[in-house]
Amino acid sequence: MMKSKIECQKIKKGILSLLFLGIFALAITLQSCNQKAKAAEKDKAISDLSIYNLPSKWTNQNGQNIEMKDMKGKVLVMVMIYTSCKAACPRLVADMRNIEQRLPENIKDKVKMVLVSIDPEADTPKRLKAFAIENKMNSNQWVFLRSTEENTREFAAVLAVNYKKVSPMDFSHSNIISVFNADGELTYQQEGLGVNSDPTIAKIKEEAQKIN
């Protein structure tokens, strides 16, 4: 009887060991599949409509040099402003903050809120950083960008944003918030100040849910 119990215990241990090895092998396989899926997504061809085709270089509020394609894989919510603006820009900034605050927590890591300066001469990285802190927009979700005048004009054309310097300190400009999908393709635009952002938020949610 004792020998039978010992043999049963050995069999149980053997079965448990096999189960453990099976679970471990399955976990490794799943991890490998996930890594391959992510690699495939990263290597996915960029469409002709994507802003990730733009070769322009940008500097963020932390002084880091980046390209638009460095944000690939995120839903981008973008607006063009300048930090010394006292008229429309504060309202656009408030609209951006309102959109960000209304996003569900479970998709926020899939979204970047991007503000592009139309006054790169005045909006240095130091000034953009200070502006981000002043407006409580200094988490990793918020990105402030500046580049050359040429690159800024080119990007404004992509977003259908018109701007013009009307005095040494002031610009007239379009008031448009744009939503780009994870592949950098424009999917929605909100035009105006203080408008209903429900359709914008719905589009952001829709695009974010497509990201694995």
N, C-alpha and C. Protein backbone atom coordinates (compact mmCIF):
# COMPACT_ATOMS: atom_id res chain seq x y z
N MET A 1 0.83 -1.21 0.00
CA MET A 1 0.00 0.00 0.00
C MET A 1 0.85 1.25 0.00
N MET A 2 1.92 1.26 0.86
CA MET A 2 2.84 2.39 0.95
C MET A 2 3.50 2.63 -0.40
N LYS A 3 3.93 1.56 -1.05
CA LYS A 3 4.59 1.66 -2.35
C LYS A 3 3.63 2.24 -3.38
N SER A 4 2.37 1.85 -3.31
CA SER A 4 1.36 2.36 -4.25
C SER A 4 1.17 3.86 -4.08
N LYS A 5 1.15 4.35 -2.79
CA LYS A 5 1.00 5.78 -2.52
C LYS A 5 2.18 6.57 -3.08
N ILE A 6 3.38 6.03 -2.88
CA ILE A 6 4.59 6.70 -3.36
C ILE A 6 4.56 6.81 -4.88
N GLU A 7 4.15 5.71 -5.53
CA GLU A 7 4.06 5.71 -6.99
C GLU A 7 3.03 6.74 -7.48
N CYS A 8 1.90 6.83 -6.75
CA CYS A 8 0.87 7.80 -7.12
C CYS A 8 1.39 9.23 -6.98
N GLN A 9 2.16 9.48 -5.90
CA GLN A 9 2.73 10.80 -5.69
C GLN A 9 3.71 11.16 -6.80
N LYS A 10 4.52 10.15 -7.21
CA LYS A 10 5.47 10.38 -8.30
C LYS A 10 4.74 10.70 -9.60
N ILE A 11 3.65 9.99 -9.84
CA ILE A 11 2.87 10.24 -11.06
C ILE A 11 2.26 11.65 -11.04
N LYS A 12 1.74 12.03 -9.85
CA LYS A 12 1.16 13.38 -9.71
C LYS A 12 2.21 14.46 -9.96
N LYS A 13 3.41 14.25 -9.37
CA LYS A 13 4.49 15.20 -9.56
C LYS A 13 4.89 15.28 -11.03
N GLY A 14 4.89 14.12 -11.66
CA GLY A 14 5.24 14.09 -13.08
C GLY A 14 4.23 14.85 -13.93
N ILE A 15 2.95 14.64 -13.59
CA ILE A 15 1.89 15.34 -14.33
C ILE A 15 1.98 16.85 -14.11
N LEU A 16 2.22 17.25 -12.85
CA LEU A 16 2.35 18.67 -12.53
C LEU A 16 3.53 19.29 -13.26
N SER A 17 4.63 18.53 -13.32
CA SER A 17 5.81 19.03 -14.02
C SER A 17 5.53 19.23 -15.50
N LEU A 18 4.82 18.26 -16.08
CA LEU A 18 4.46 18.36 -17.50
C LEU A 18 3.53 19.55 -17.75
N LEU A 19 2.56 19.75 -16.83
CA LEU A 19 1.64 20.88 -16.96
C LEU A 19 2.39 22.21 -16.89
N PHE A 20 3.33 22.28 -15.93
CA PHE A 20 4.13 23.50 -15.77
C PHE A 20 4.94 23.78 -17.03
N LEU A 21 5.57 22.73 -17.55
CA LEU A 21 6.37 22.90 -18.76
C LEU A 21 5.50 23.32 -19.95
N GLY A 22 4.28 22.73 -20.00
CA GLY A 22 3.36 23.08 -21.08
C GLY A 22 2.92 24.53 -21.01
N ILE A 23 2.60 24.99 -19.78
CA ILE A 23 2.19 26.38 -19.58
C ILE A 23 3.35 27.32 -19.91
N PHE A 24 4.55 26.95 -19.48
CA PHE A 24 5.75 27.77 -19.74
C PHE A 24 5.99 27.89 -21.24
N ALA A 25 5.88 26.75 -21.94
CA ALA A 25 6.10 26.74 -23.40
C ALA A 25 5.04 27.58 -24.10
N LEU A 26 3.79 27.49 -23.61
CA LEU A 26 2.70 28.28 -24.20
C LEU A 26 2.94 29.77 -24.00
N ALA A 27 3.40 30.14 -22.81
CA ALA A 27 3.68 31.56 -22.51
C ALA A 27 4.78 32.10 -23.41
N ILE A 28 5.84 31.29 -23.62
CA ILE A 28 6.95 31.69 -24.50
C ILE A 28 6.46 31.86 -25.93
N THR A 29 5.61 30.93 -26.36
CA THR A 29 5.06 31.00 -27.73
C THR A 29 4.20 32.24 -27.92
N LEU A 30 3.35 32.54 -26.93
CA LEU A 30 2.49 33.72 -27.02
C LEU A 30 3.32 35.00 -27.03
N GLN A 31 4.36 35.02 -26.20
CA GLN A 31 5.24 36.19 -26.16
C GLN A 31 5.93 36.40 -27.50
N SER A 32 6.37 35.30 -28.09
CA SER A 32 7.03 35.36 -29.39
C SER A 32 6.07 35.86 -30.47
N CYS A 33 4.82 35.38 -30.41
CA CYS A 33 3.81 35.81 -31.38
C CYS A 33 3.51 37.30 -31.24
N ASN A 34 3.42 37.76 -29.99
CA ASN A 34 3.17 39.18 -29.75
C ASN A 34 4.31 40.05 -30.27
N GLN A 35 5.55 39.59 -30.05
CA GLN A 35 6.70 40.33 -30.53
C GLN A 35 6.72 40.39 -32.04
N LYS A 36 6.37 39.27 -32.69
CA LYS A 36 6.34 39.24 -34.15
C LYS A 36 5.24 40.15 -34.69
N ALA A 37 4.09 40.17 -34.00
CA ALA A 37 2.98 41.02 -34.43
C ALA A 37 3.36 42.49 -34.32
N LYS A 38 4.04 42.84 -33.21
CA LYS A 38 4.48 44.22 -33.03
C LYS A 38 5.51 44.62 -34.07
N ALA A 39 6.41 43.69 -34.37
CA ALA A 39 7.45 43.96 -35.38
C ALA A 39 6.81 44.15 -36.75
N ALA A 40 5.81 43.32 -37.05
CA ALA A 40 5.12 43.43 -38.34
C ALA A 40 4.39 44.75 -38.46
N GLU A 41 3.78 45.18 -37.35
CA GLU A 41 3.07 46.46 -37.33
C GLU A 41 4.04 47.61 -37.54
N LYS A 42 5.20 47.51 -36.90
CA LYS A 42 6.21 48.56 -37.01
C LYS A 42 6.75 48.66 -38.43
N ASP A 43 6.88 47.51 -39.10
CA ASP A 43 7.43 47.49 -40.45
C ASP A 43 6.37 47.70 -41.54
N LYS A 44 5.13 47.88 -41.12
CA LYS A 44 4.05 48.07 -42.07
C LYS A 44 4.32 49.28 -42.96
N ALA A 45 4.09 49.12 -44.23
CA ALA A 45 4.37 50.20 -45.18
C ALA A 45 3.53 51.43 -44.86
N ILE A 46 4.13 52.59 -44.99
CA ILE A 46 3.44 53.86 -44.76
C ILE A 46 2.71 54.27 -46.03
N SER A 47 1.45 54.63 -45.91
CA SER A 47 0.67 55.01 -47.09
C SER A 47 1.10 56.39 -47.58
N ASP A 48 0.72 56.70 -48.82
CA ASP A 48 1.07 57.98 -49.41
C ASP A 48 0.40 59.15 -48.69
N LEU A 49 -0.65 58.86 -47.93
CA LEU A 49 -1.40 59.90 -47.23
C LEU A 49 -0.89 60.17 -45.82
N SER A 50 0.14 59.47 -45.42
CA SER A 50 0.63 59.56 -44.04
C SER A 50 1.60 60.72 -43.83
N ILE A 51 1.46 61.39 -42.69
CA ILE A 51 2.41 62.45 -42.34
C ILE A 51 3.78 61.87 -42.00
N TYR A 52 3.85 60.55 -41.82
CA TYR A 52 5.14 59.93 -41.51
C TYR A 52 6.07 59.86 -42.72
N ASN A 53 5.56 60.27 -43.87
CA ASN A 53 6.41 60.40 -45.05
C ASN A 53 7.23 61.69 -45.03
N LEU A 54 6.79 62.64 -44.20
CA LEU A 54 7.48 63.93 -44.16
C LEU A 54 8.89 63.77 -43.59
N PRO A 55 9.89 64.30 -44.27
CA PRO A 55 11.28 64.15 -43.80
C PRO A 55 11.70 65.21 -42.79
N SER A 56 10.80 66.14 -42.48
CA SER A 56 11.17 67.27 -41.63
C SER A 56 11.58 66.84 -40.22
N LYS A 57 12.49 67.62 -39.66
CA LYS A 57 12.98 67.41 -38.30
C LYS A 57 12.31 68.42 -37.37
N TRP A 58 12.02 67.97 -36.16
CA TRP A 58 11.36 68.83 -35.18
C TRP A 58 12.08 68.74 -33.84
N THR A 59 11.85 69.73 -32.99
CA THR A 59 12.40 69.72 -31.64
C THR A 59 11.24 69.84 -30.67
N ASN A 60 11.23 68.99 -29.64
CA ASN A 60 10.13 69.05 -28.68
C ASN A 60 10.47 69.95 -27.50
N GLN A 61 9.56 70.01 -26.54
CA GLN A 61 9.72 70.91 -25.39
C GLN A 61 10.87 70.50 -24.47
N ASN A 62 11.38 69.29 -24.66
CA ASN A 62 12.52 68.82 -23.85
C ASN A 62 13.85 68.97 -24.59
N GLY A 63 13.79 69.63 -25.76
CA GLY A 63 15.00 69.84 -26.53
C GLY A 63 15.44 68.63 -27.33
N GLN A 64 14.58 67.62 -27.44
CA GLN A 64 14.92 66.40 -28.19
C GLN A 64 14.53 66.57 -29.66
N ASN A 65 15.40 66.12 -30.54
CA ASN A 65 15.12 66.17 -31.98
C ASN A 65 14.35 64.92 -32.40
N ILE A 66 13.23 65.12 -33.07
CA ILE A 66 12.40 63.98 -33.49
C ILE A 66 11.88 64.21 -34.91
N GLU A 67 11.33 63.14 -35.49
CA GLU A 67 10.60 63.21 -36.75
C GLU A 67 9.17 62.78 -36.45
N MET A 68 8.27 63.15 -37.33
CA MET A 68 6.86 62.78 -37.12
C MET A 68 6.71 61.26 -36.97
N LYS A 69 7.49 60.51 -37.76
CA LYS A 69 7.35 59.05 -37.74
C LYS A 69 7.74 58.43 -36.40
N ASP A 70 8.41 59.20 -35.54
CA ASP A 70 8.76 58.70 -34.21
C ASP A 70 7.51 58.50 -33.35
N MET A 71 6.40 59.11 -33.76
CA MET A 71 5.15 58.97 -33.00
C MET A 71 4.22 57.94 -33.64
N LYS A 72 4.74 57.20 -34.61
CA LYS A 72 3.93 56.18 -35.28
C LYS A 72 3.41 55.16 -34.27
N GLY A 73 2.17 54.73 -34.47
CA GLY A 73 1.58 53.75 -33.56
C GLY A 73 0.68 54.38 -32.53
N LYS A 74 0.63 55.72 -32.49
CA LYS A 74 -0.25 56.44 -31.58
C LYS A 74 -1.29 57.21 -32.37
N VAL A 75 -2.44 57.44 -31.76
CA VAL A 75 -3.41 58.36 -32.33
C VAL A 75 -2.91 59.76 -31.98
N LEU A 76 -2.81 60.63 -32.97
CA LEU A 76 -2.31 61.98 -32.73
C LEU A 76 -3.46 62.99 -32.82
N VAL A 77 -3.56 63.81 -31.79
CA VAL A 77 -4.52 64.91 -31.80
C VAL A 77 -3.69 66.18 -31.88
N MET A 78 -3.78 66.92 -33.00
CA MET A 78 -2.83 67.99 -33.27
C MET A 78 -3.51 69.34 -33.48
N VAL A 79 -2.82 70.38 -33.02
CA VAL A 79 -3.29 71.75 -33.24
C VAL A 79 -2.06 72.63 -33.43
N MET A 80 -2.22 73.71 -34.19
CA MET A 80 -1.13 74.66 -34.41
C MET A 80 -1.46 75.95 -33.66
N ILE A 81 -0.52 76.39 -32.82
CA ILE A 81 -0.71 77.58 -31.99
C ILE A 81 0.60 78.34 -31.92
N TYR A 82 0.62 79.43 -31.16
CA TYR A 82 1.88 80.06 -30.75
C TYR A 82 1.70 80.56 -29.32
N THR A 83 2.73 80.44 -28.52
CA THR A 83 2.56 80.60 -27.07
C THR A 83 2.27 82.02 -26.62
N SER A 84 2.64 83.03 -27.41
CA SER A 84 2.39 84.42 -27.00
C SER A 84 1.00 84.90 -27.42
N CYS A 85 0.23 84.04 -28.06
CA CYS A 85 -1.12 84.39 -28.53
C CYS A 85 -2.04 84.68 -27.34
N LYS A 86 -2.81 85.76 -27.46
CA LYS A 86 -3.74 86.14 -26.39
C LYS A 86 -5.20 86.02 -26.81
N ALA A 87 -5.43 85.64 -28.05
CA ALA A 87 -6.81 85.60 -28.55
C ALA A 87 -7.31 84.17 -28.71
N ALA A 88 -7.11 83.58 -29.91
CA ALA A 88 -7.68 82.26 -30.20
C ALA A 88 -6.95 81.11 -29.52
N CYS A 89 -5.62 81.21 -29.41
CA CYS A 89 -4.84 80.07 -28.90
C CYS A 89 -5.22 79.61 -27.50
N PRO A 90 -5.45 80.52 -26.56
CA PRO A 90 -5.88 80.03 -25.23
C PRO A 90 -7.15 79.19 -25.31
N ARG A 91 -8.05 79.53 -26.23
CA ARG A 91 -9.27 78.75 -26.39
C ARG A 91 -8.96 77.39 -27.01
N LEU A 92 -8.05 77.38 -28.00
CA LEU A 92 -7.65 76.11 -28.61
C LEU A 92 -6.97 75.20 -27.58
N VAL A 93 -6.13 75.79 -26.75
CA VAL A 93 -5.45 75.03 -25.70
C VAL A 93 -6.48 74.45 -24.73
N ALA A 94 -7.47 75.26 -24.37
CA ALA A 94 -8.54 74.79 -23.47
C ALA A 94 -9.32 73.65 -24.13
N ASP A 95 -9.57 73.76 -25.44
CA ASP A 95 -10.27 72.69 -26.15
C ASP A 95 -9.46 71.40 -26.15
N MET A 96 -8.15 71.52 -26.33
CA MET A 96 -7.28 70.34 -26.30
C MET A 96 -7.29 69.70 -24.92
N ARG A 97 -7.22 70.50 -23.89
CA ARG A 97 -7.25 69.97 -22.52
C ARG A 97 -8.59 69.30 -22.23
N ASN A 98 -9.66 69.90 -22.72
CA ASN A 98 -10.99 69.32 -22.52
C ASN A 98 -11.10 67.95 -23.19
N ILE A 99 -10.57 67.86 -24.42
CA ILE A 99 -10.59 66.58 -25.14
C ILE A 99 -9.80 65.53 -24.37
N GLU A 100 -8.60 65.90 -23.92
CA GLU A 100 -7.74 64.95 -23.20
C GLU A 100 -8.40 64.48 -21.90
N GLN A 101 -9.02 65.39 -21.18
CA GLN A 101 -9.65 65.04 -19.90
C GLN A 101 -10.85 64.12 -20.08
N ARG A 102 -11.49 64.18 -21.24
CA ARG A 102 -12.69 63.37 -21.48
C ARG A 102 -12.37 62.00 -22.09
N LEU A 103 -11.10 61.74 -22.38
CA LEU A 103 -10.75 60.44 -22.94
C LEU A 103 -10.76 59.37 -21.85
N PRO A 104 -11.24 58.17 -22.14
CA PRO A 104 -11.21 57.08 -21.15
C PRO A 104 -9.76 56.76 -20.77
N GLU A 105 -9.54 56.43 -19.53
CA GLU A 105 -8.19 56.15 -19.04
C GLU A 105 -7.54 54.99 -19.79
N ASN A 106 -8.36 54.02 -20.22
CA ASN A 106 -7.78 52.83 -20.85
C ASN A 106 -7.26 53.05 -22.26
N ILE A 107 -7.48 54.26 -22.83
CA ILE A 107 -6.92 54.52 -24.16
C ILE A 107 -5.91 55.67 -24.15
N LYS A 108 -5.73 56.32 -23.02
CA LYS A 108 -4.87 57.50 -22.99
C LYS A 108 -3.43 57.21 -23.38
N ASP A 109 -2.95 55.99 -23.07
CA ASP A 109 -1.58 55.66 -23.44
C ASP A 109 -1.42 55.41 -24.94
N LYS A 110 -2.53 55.40 -25.67
CA LYS A 110 -2.50 55.20 -27.12
C LYS A 110 -2.64 56.52 -27.88
N VAL A 111 -2.72 57.61 -27.13
CA VAL A 111 -2.99 58.93 -27.72
C VAL A 111 -1.91 59.93 -27.35
N LYS A 112 -1.50 60.73 -28.31
CA LYS A 112 -0.59 61.84 -28.06
C LYS A 112 -1.30 63.15 -28.41
N MET A 113 -1.22 64.12 -27.51
CA MET A 113 -1.78 65.44 -27.74
C MET A 113 -0.62 66.33 -28.19
N VAL A 114 -0.67 66.80 -29.43
CA VAL A 114 0.48 67.48 -30.03
C VAL A 114 0.14 68.92 -30.39
N LEU A 115 0.97 69.84 -29.91
CA LEU A 115 0.80 71.26 -30.23
C LEU A 115 2.02 71.73 -31.02
N VAL A 116 1.78 72.23 -32.23
CA VAL A 116 2.86 72.63 -33.13
C VAL A 116 2.89 74.16 -33.21
N SER A 117 4.06 74.74 -32.97
CA SER A 117 4.18 76.19 -32.97
C SER A 117 4.25 76.75 -34.38
N ILE A 118 3.50 77.84 -34.62
CA ILE A 118 3.60 78.56 -35.89
C ILE A 118 4.56 79.74 -35.76
N ASP A 119 5.17 79.87 -34.58
CA ASP A 119 6.14 80.94 -34.34
C ASP A 119 7.43 80.34 -33.77
N PRO A 120 8.13 79.54 -34.60
CA PRO A 120 9.31 78.82 -34.09
C PRO A 120 10.44 79.73 -33.61
N GLU A 121 10.50 80.94 -34.12
CA GLU A 121 11.56 81.86 -33.69
C GLU A 121 11.42 82.21 -32.21
N ALA A 122 10.20 82.51 -31.79
CA ALA A 122 9.96 82.87 -30.38
C ALA A 122 9.75 81.65 -29.50
N ASP A 123 9.13 80.61 -30.06
CA ASP A 123 8.80 79.42 -29.27
C ASP A 123 9.98 78.43 -29.25
N THR A 124 10.96 78.77 -28.46
CA THR A 124 12.11 77.89 -28.25
C THR A 124 11.68 76.70 -27.40
N PRO A 125 12.47 75.63 -27.35
CA PRO A 125 12.13 74.51 -26.47
C PRO A 125 11.92 74.96 -25.02
N LYS A 126 12.74 75.90 -24.57
CA LYS A 126 12.61 76.39 -23.19
C LYS A 126 11.26 77.06 -22.98
N ARG A 127 10.85 77.88 -23.96
CA ARG A 127 9.56 78.56 -23.86
C ARG A 127 8.41 77.55 -23.94
N LEU A 128 8.52 76.56 -24.82
CA LEU A 128 7.47 75.55 -24.93
C LEU A 128 7.34 74.75 -23.63
N LYS A 129 8.47 74.45 -23.01
CA LYS A 129 8.46 73.71 -21.74
C LYS A 129 7.75 74.52 -20.67
N ALA A 130 8.09 75.80 -20.59
CA ALA A 130 7.47 76.67 -19.60
C ALA A 130 5.96 76.78 -19.84
N PHE A 131 5.58 76.88 -21.11
CA PHE A 131 4.16 76.96 -21.47
C PHE A 131 3.42 75.68 -21.07
N ALA A 132 4.07 74.54 -21.28
CA ALA A 132 3.46 73.25 -20.91
C ALA A 132 3.22 73.18 -19.41
N ILE A 133 4.19 73.63 -18.64
CA ILE A 133 4.06 73.61 -17.18
C ILE A 133 2.98 74.59 -16.71
N GLU A 134 2.99 75.79 -17.29
CA GLU A 134 2.01 76.81 -16.93
C GLU A 134 0.58 76.32 -17.15
N ASN A 135 0.39 75.54 -18.20
CA ASN A 135 -0.94 75.09 -18.58
C ASN A 135 -1.26 73.66 -18.13
N LYS A 136 -0.40 73.14 -17.23
CA LYS A 136 -0.60 71.78 -16.70
C LYS A 136 -0.73 70.76 -17.83
N MET A 137 0.18 70.89 -18.80
CA MET A 137 0.21 69.98 -19.94
C MET A 137 1.62 69.39 -20.07
N ASN A 138 2.17 68.98 -18.93
CA ASN A 138 3.56 68.52 -18.91
C ASN A 138 3.72 67.03 -18.63
N SER A 139 2.63 66.27 -18.83
CA SER A 139 2.77 64.81 -18.73
C SER A 139 3.31 64.29 -20.06
N ASN A 140 3.65 62.99 -20.09
CA ASN A 140 4.22 62.39 -21.30
C ASN A 140 3.24 62.39 -22.48
N GLN A 141 1.96 62.57 -22.18
CA GLN A 141 0.96 62.54 -23.25
C GLN A 141 1.02 63.78 -24.13
N TRP A 142 1.57 64.87 -23.58
CA TRP A 142 1.61 66.13 -24.29
C TRP A 142 2.95 66.34 -24.99
N VAL A 143 2.88 66.72 -26.27
CA VAL A 143 4.08 66.96 -27.07
C VAL A 143 3.97 68.35 -27.70
N PHE A 144 5.00 69.18 -27.48
CA PHE A 144 5.08 70.50 -28.11
C PHE A 144 6.22 70.46 -29.12
N LEU A 145 5.96 70.96 -30.34
CA LEU A 145 6.96 70.86 -31.39
C LEU A 145 7.23 72.21 -32.05
N ARG A 146 8.46 72.38 -32.47
CA ARG A 146 8.84 73.54 -33.28
C ARG A 146 9.84 73.06 -34.32
N SER A 147 9.94 73.79 -35.44
CA SER A 147 10.88 73.44 -36.49
C SER A 147 11.28 74.71 -37.22
N THR A 148 11.75 74.58 -38.43
CA THR A 148 12.08 75.74 -39.24
C THR A 148 10.79 76.34 -39.80
N GLU A 149 10.88 77.57 -40.29
CA GLU A 149 9.72 78.20 -40.91
C GLU A 149 9.23 77.38 -42.10
N GLU A 150 10.17 76.87 -42.90
CA GLU A 150 9.82 76.08 -44.07
C GLU A 150 9.06 74.82 -43.70
N ASN A 151 9.57 74.09 -42.71
CA ASN A 151 8.91 72.86 -42.26
C ASN A 151 7.53 73.15 -41.66
N THR A 152 7.45 74.26 -40.94
CA THR A 152 6.18 74.64 -40.32
C THR A 152 5.13 74.96 -41.38
N ARG A 153 5.54 75.68 -42.42
CA ARG A 153 4.63 76.00 -43.52
C ARG A 153 4.16 74.73 -44.23
N GLU A 154 5.09 73.84 -44.46
CA GLU A 154 4.76 72.58 -45.13
C GLU A 154 3.75 71.79 -44.31
N PHE A 155 3.98 71.72 -43.01
CA PHE A 155 3.07 70.95 -42.17
C PHE A 155 1.71 71.61 -42.06
N ALA A 156 1.69 72.94 -42.00
CA ALA A 156 0.42 73.66 -41.95
C ALA A 156 -0.42 73.36 -43.19
N ALA A 157 0.24 73.24 -44.33
CA ALA A 157 -0.48 72.92 -45.57
C ALA A 157 -1.13 71.54 -45.49
N VAL A 158 -0.45 70.60 -44.84
CA VAL A 158 -1.00 69.24 -44.67
C VAL A 158 -2.29 69.30 -43.85
N LEU A 159 -2.31 70.14 -42.83
CA LEU A 159 -3.47 70.25 -41.95
C LEU A 159 -4.50 71.25 -42.44
N ALA A 160 -4.22 71.88 -43.60
CA ALA A 160 -5.10 72.92 -44.14
C ALA A 160 -5.24 74.09 -43.17
N VAL A 161 -4.15 74.37 -42.46
CA VAL A 161 -4.11 75.50 -41.53
C VAL A 161 -3.43 76.68 -42.23
N ASN A 162 -4.11 77.80 -42.26
CA ASN A 162 -3.54 79.02 -42.81
C ASN A 162 -3.12 79.93 -41.68
N TYR A 163 -1.95 80.54 -41.80
CA TYR A 163 -1.54 81.52 -40.80
C TYR A 163 -0.70 82.61 -41.45
N LYS A 164 -0.77 83.79 -40.84
CA LYS A 164 -0.08 84.95 -41.38
C LYS A 164 0.33 85.87 -40.25
N LYS A 165 1.55 86.36 -40.33
CA LYS A 165 2.04 87.29 -39.31
C LYS A 165 1.44 88.66 -39.60
N VAL A 166 0.72 89.22 -38.64
CA VAL A 166 0.06 90.51 -38.84
C VAL A 166 0.72 91.64 -38.07
N SER A 167 1.64 91.28 -37.17
CA SER A 167 2.43 92.27 -36.44
C SER A 167 3.64 91.52 -35.88
N PRO A 168 4.62 92.21 -35.32
CA PRO A 168 5.79 91.51 -34.76
C PRO A 168 5.45 90.43 -33.73
N MET A 169 4.30 90.56 -33.10
CA MET A 169 3.95 89.63 -32.02
C MET A 169 2.70 88.79 -32.32
N ASP A 170 2.00 89.10 -33.39
CA ASP A 170 0.70 88.46 -33.60
C ASP A 170 0.58 87.78 -34.97
N PHE A 171 -0.20 86.69 -34.95
CA PHE A 171 -0.52 85.95 -36.17
C PHE A 171 -2.04 85.81 -36.27
N SER A 172 -2.53 85.82 -37.49
CA SER A 172 -3.90 85.35 -37.71
C SER A 172 -3.77 83.91 -38.20
N HIS A 173 -4.65 83.03 -37.77
CA HIS A 173 -4.50 81.61 -38.13
C HIS A 173 -5.82 80.86 -38.03
N SER A 174 -5.84 79.72 -38.70
CA SER A 174 -7.02 78.84 -38.65
C SER A 174 -7.10 78.17 -37.28
N ASN A 175 -8.33 77.86 -36.89
CA ASN A 175 -8.56 77.20 -35.60
C ASN A 175 -9.06 75.78 -35.85
N ILE A 176 -8.11 74.87 -36.06
CA ILE A 176 -8.44 73.49 -36.43
C ILE A 176 -7.70 72.50 -35.54
N ILE A 177 -8.42 71.54 -35.01
CA ILE A 177 -7.83 70.41 -34.28
C ILE A 177 -7.98 69.18 -35.16
N SER A 178 -6.88 68.50 -35.41
CA SER A 178 -6.86 67.36 -36.35
C SER A 178 -6.58 66.05 -35.63
N VAL A 179 -7.21 64.99 -36.08
CA VAL A 179 -7.00 63.65 -35.53
C VAL A 179 -6.35 62.77 -36.60
N PHE A 180 -5.21 62.17 -36.25
CA PHE A 180 -4.51 61.25 -37.14
C PHE A 180 -4.54 59.85 -36.54
N ASN A 181 -4.73 58.84 -37.40
CA ASN A 181 -4.72 57.47 -36.90
C ASN A 181 -3.29 56.98 -36.65
N ALA A 182 -3.14 55.74 -36.21
CA ALA A 182 -1.83 55.21 -35.84
C ALA A 182 -0.86 55.14 -37.00
N ASP A 183 -1.39 55.21 -38.24
CA ASP A 183 -0.53 55.19 -39.43
C ASP A 183 -0.23 56.59 -39.94
N GLY A 184 -0.66 57.61 -39.18
CA GLY A 184 -0.36 58.98 -39.57
C GLY A 184 -1.27 59.55 -40.64
N GLU A 185 -2.45 58.97 -40.81
CA GLU A 185 -3.40 59.44 -41.82
C GLU A 185 -4.47 60.31 -41.15
N LEU A 186 -4.77 61.44 -41.76
CA LEU A 186 -5.77 62.36 -41.23
C LEU A 186 -7.15 61.71 -41.32
N THR A 187 -7.85 61.63 -40.19
CA THR A 187 -9.16 60.97 -40.17
C THR A 187 -10.31 61.89 -39.76
N TYR A 188 -9.98 63.01 -39.12
CA TYR A 188 -11.05 63.91 -38.67
C TYR A 188 -10.47 65.28 -38.33
N GLN A 189 -11.29 66.33 -38.54
CA GLN A 189 -10.89 67.68 -38.14
C GLN A 189 -12.05 68.39 -37.46
N GLN A 190 -11.70 69.07 -36.38
CA GLN A 190 -12.66 69.89 -35.63
C GLN A 190 -12.29 71.35 -35.88
N GLU A 191 -13.22 72.11 -36.41
CA GLU A 191 -12.92 73.50 -36.75
C GLU A 191 -13.75 74.45 -35.91
N GLY A 192 -13.08 75.49 -35.41
CA GLY A 192 -13.78 76.48 -34.60
C GLY A 192 -13.28 76.47 -33.16
N LEU A 193 -13.78 77.42 -32.39
CA LEU A 193 -13.38 77.56 -30.98
C LEU A 193 -14.54 77.21 -30.07
N GLY A 194 -14.26 76.38 -29.05
CA GLY A 194 -15.29 76.03 -28.09
C GLY A 194 -16.46 75.25 -28.67
N VAL A 195 -16.21 74.54 -29.79
CA VAL A 195 -17.28 73.77 -30.42
C VAL A 195 -17.48 72.43 -29.70
N ASN A 196 -18.57 71.77 -30.00
CA ASN A 196 -18.86 70.45 -29.42
C ASN A 196 -17.79 69.45 -29.87
N SER A 197 -17.05 68.90 -28.93
CA SER A 197 -15.96 67.98 -29.27
C SER A 197 -16.37 66.51 -29.23
N ASP A 198 -17.65 66.23 -29.07
CA ASP A 198 -18.11 64.84 -29.00
C ASP A 198 -17.68 64.03 -30.24
N PRO A 199 -17.87 64.55 -31.47
CA PRO A 199 -17.43 63.77 -32.64
C PRO A 199 -15.92 63.54 -32.67
N THR A 200 -15.16 64.53 -32.20
CA THR A 200 -13.70 64.40 -32.15
C THR A 200 -13.31 63.28 -31.20
N ILE A 201 -13.90 63.28 -30.02
CA ILE A 201 -13.59 62.25 -29.02
C ILE A 201 -14.02 60.87 -29.51
N ALA A 202 -15.16 60.81 -30.18
CA ALA A 202 -15.63 59.53 -30.73
C ALA A 202 -14.64 58.98 -31.75
N LYS A 203 -14.09 59.85 -32.59
CA LYS A 203 -13.12 59.41 -33.59
C LYS A 203 -11.82 58.96 -32.94
N ILE A 204 -11.38 59.68 -31.91
CA ILE A 204 -10.16 59.28 -31.19
C ILE A 204 -10.33 57.90 -30.58
N LYS A 205 -11.47 57.67 -29.94
CA LYS A 205 -11.77 56.37 -29.33
C LYS A 205 -11.76 55.27 -30.40
N GLU A 206 -12.41 55.56 -31.52
CA GLU A 206 -12.51 54.58 -32.61
C GLU A 206 -11.12 54.18 -33.11
N GLU A 207 -10.26 55.17 -33.31
CA GLU A 207 -8.92 54.89 -33.82
C GLU A 207 -8.04 54.21 -32.75
N ALA A 208 -8.20 54.61 -31.50
CA ALA A 208 -7.41 54.03 -30.43
C ALA A 208 -7.74 52.55 -30.23
N GLN A 209 -9.00 52.19 -30.42
CA GLN A 209 -9.43 50.80 -30.23
C GLN A 209 -8.89 49.88 -31.32
N LYS A 210 -8.40 50.45 -32.39
CA LYS A 210 -7.80 49.64 -33.47
C LYS A 210 -6.36 49.26 -33.18
N ILE A 211 -5.76 49.93 -32.16
CA ILE A 211 -4.37 49.68 -31.83
C ILE A 211 -4.29 48.50 -30.87
N ASN A 212 -3.42 47.53 -31.17
CA ASN A 212 -3.27 46.35 -30.31
C ASN A 212 -2.53 46.71 -29.03
